[in-house]
Amino acid sequence: MTTEAQPQRERLATELRDEPPESFRQLTPEQLATLAEALKRQRESRAAGLNEAAEEALKLVPALARGPVRRILFR
């Protein structure tokens, strides 16, 4: 692995929350960066989707109880 790839490999490890597989050493720094960015965007998209779903679910809770329920669930 080249020294240029090391920062991108570390960035990918951060996004994976684990060390990348050994076979990823064959990827170029640009490929590693693209993969890390795609993982980051996917994680952000899922988080946004979960937040939207939680807000929609709160609509099923009576209006007076929504504030306390929101505080309990989303500390």
C-alpha atoms as a PDB file:
ATOM      1  CA  MET A   1       0.000   0.000   0.000  1.00  0.00           C
ATOM      2  CA  THR A   2       1.312   3.426  -0.877  1.00  0.00           C
ATOM      3  CA  THR A   3       1.606   6.217   1.646  1.00  0.00           C
ATOM      4  CA  GLU A   4      -1.054   8.188  -0.303  1.00  0.00           C
ATOM      5  CA  ALA A   5      -3.551   5.382   0.325  1.00  0.00           C
ATOM      6  CA  GLN A   6      -3.009   5.285   4.092  1.00  0.00           C
ATOM      7  CA  PRO A   7      -5.204   8.318   4.973  1.00  0.00           C
ATOM      8  CA  GLN A   8      -7.959   7.012   2.707  1.00  0.00           C
ATOM      9  CA  ARG A   9      -7.671   3.544   4.238  1.00  0.00           C
ATOM     10  CA  GLU A  10      -7.996   5.095   7.717  1.00  0.00           C
ATOM     11  CA  ARG A  11     -11.018   7.099   6.573  1.00  0.00           C
ATOM     12  CA  LEU A  12     -12.588   3.918   5.217  1.00  0.00           C
ATOM     13  CA  ALA A  13     -11.857   2.114   8.491  1.00  0.00           C
ATOM     14  CA  THR A  14     -13.656   4.927  10.323  1.00  0.00           C
ATOM     15  CA  GLU A  15     -16.714   4.564   8.098  1.00  0.00           C
ATOM     16  CA  LEU A  16     -16.684   0.763   8.384  1.00  0.00           C
ATOM     17  CA  ARG A  17     -16.063   0.995  12.133  1.00  0.00           C
ATOM     18  CA  ASP A  18     -13.549  -1.796  11.615  1.00  0.00           C
ATOM     19  CA  GLU A  19     -10.440  -2.518   9.607  1.00  0.00           C
ATOM     20  CA  PRO A  20     -11.132  -2.952   5.887  1.00  0.00           C
ATOM     21  CA  PRO A  21     -10.595  -6.437   4.479  1.00  0.00           C
ATOM     22  CA  GLU A  22      -7.067  -7.215   3.328  1.00  0.00           C
ATOM     23  CA  SER A  23      -8.246  -7.338  -0.294  1.00  0.00           C
ATOM     24  CA  PHE A  24      -9.039  -3.604  -0.126  1.00  0.00           C
ATOM     25  CA  ARG A  25      -5.288  -2.935  -0.225  1.00  0.00           C
ATOM     26  CA  GLN A  26      -5.560  -3.461  -3.986  1.00  0.00           C
ATOM     27  CA  LEU A  27      -7.774  -0.385  -4.345  1.00  0.00           C
ATOM     28  CA  THR A  28      -6.361   2.964  -5.391  1.00  0.00           C
ATOM     29  CA  PRO A  29      -6.568   5.956  -3.035  1.00  0.00           C
ATOM     30  CA  GLU A  30      -9.319   7.382  -5.252  1.00  0.00           C
ATOM     31  CA  GLN A  31     -11.325   4.153  -5.022  1.00  0.00           C
ATOM     32  CA  LEU A  32     -10.890   4.056  -1.251  1.00  0.00           C
ATOM     33  CA  ALA A  33     -12.087   7.663  -0.992  1.00  0.00           C
ATOM     34  CA  THR A  34     -15.104   6.950  -3.204  1.00  0.00           C
ATOM     35  CA  LEU A  35     -16.049   3.914  -1.140  1.00  0.00           C
ATOM     36  CA  ALA A  36     -15.653   5.798   2.156  1.00  0.00           C
ATOM     37  CA  GLU A  37     -17.797   8.674   0.862  1.00  0.00           C
ATOM     38  CA  ALA A  38     -20.499   6.286  -0.371  1.00  0.00           C
ATOM     39  CA  LEU A  39     -20.609   4.567   3.026  1.00  0.00           C
ATOM     40  CA  LYS A  40     -20.860   7.927   4.780  1.00  0.00           C
ATOM     41  CA  ARG A  41     -23.735   9.075   2.536  1.00  0.00           C
ATOM     42  CA  GLN A  42     -25.566   5.771   3.048  1.00  0.00           C
ATOM     43  CA  ARG A  43     -25.216   5.996   6.839  1.00  0.00           C
ATOM     44  CA  GLU A  44     -26.502   9.587   6.803  1.00  0.00           C
ATOM     45  CA  SER A  45     -29.411   8.584   4.577  1.00  0.00           C
ATOM     46  CA  ARG A  46     -30.405   5.752   6.901  1.00  0.00           C
ATOM     47  CA  ALA A  47     -30.188   8.012   9.937  1.00  0.00           C
ATOM     48  CA  ALA A  48     -32.420  10.582   8.248  1.00  0.00           C
ATOM     49  CA  GLY A  49     -34.895   7.860   7.313  1.00  0.00           C
ATOM     50  CA  LEU A  50     -34.991   6.575  10.862  1.00  0.00           C
ATOM     51  CA  ASN A  51     -35.583  10.077  12.200  1.00  0.00           C
ATOM     52  CA  GLU A  52     -38.444  10.593   9.755  1.00  0.00           C
ATOM     53  CA  ALA A  53     -39.983   7.248  10.727  1.00  0.00           C
ATOM     54  CA  ALA A  54     -39.724   8.113  14.419  1.00  0.00           C
ATOM     55  CA  GLU A  55     -41.422  11.465  13.853  1.00  0.00           C
ATOM     56  CA  GLU A  56     -44.196   9.768  11.877  1.00  0.00           C
ATOM     57  CA  ALA A  57     -44.645   7.216  14.668  1.00  0.00           C
ATOM     58  CA  LEU A  58     -44.979  10.029  17.199  1.00  0.00           C
ATOM     59  CA  LYS A  59     -48.060  11.220  15.320  1.00  0.00           C
ATOM     60  CA  LEU A  60     -49.799   8.117  16.688  1.00  0.00           C
ATOM     61  CA  VAL A  61     -49.194   9.360  20.237  1.00  0.00           C
ATOM     62  CA  PRO A  62     -51.817  11.752  21.624  1.00  0.00           C
ATOM     63  CA  ALA A  63     -50.735  15.378  21.177  1.00  0.00           C
ATOM     64  CA  LEU A  64     -50.395  16.109  24.901  1.00  0.00           C
ATOM     65  CA  ALA A  65     -48.058  13.157  25.403  1.00  0.00           C
ATOM     66  CA  ARG A  66     -45.792  13.747  22.374  1.00  0.00           C
ATOM     67  CA  GLY A  67     -43.367  16.091  24.132  1.00  0.00           C
ATOM     68  CA  PRO A  68     -42.670  13.786  27.082  1.00  0.00           C
ATOM     69  CA  VAL A  69     -42.527  10.708  24.825  1.00  0.00           C
ATOM     70  CA  ARG A  70     -40.087  12.472  22.479  1.00  0.00           C
ATOM     71  CA  ARG A  71     -37.846  13.441  25.424  1.00  0.00           C
ATOM     72  CA  ILE A  72     -37.905   9.890  26.792  1.00  0.00           C
ATOM     73  CA  LEU A  73     -37.116   8.274  23.438  1.00  0.00           C
ATOM     74  CA  PHE A  74     -34.611  10.790  22.079  1.00  0.00           C
ATOM     75  CA  ARG A  75     -32.573  11.946  25.049  1.00  0.00           C
END
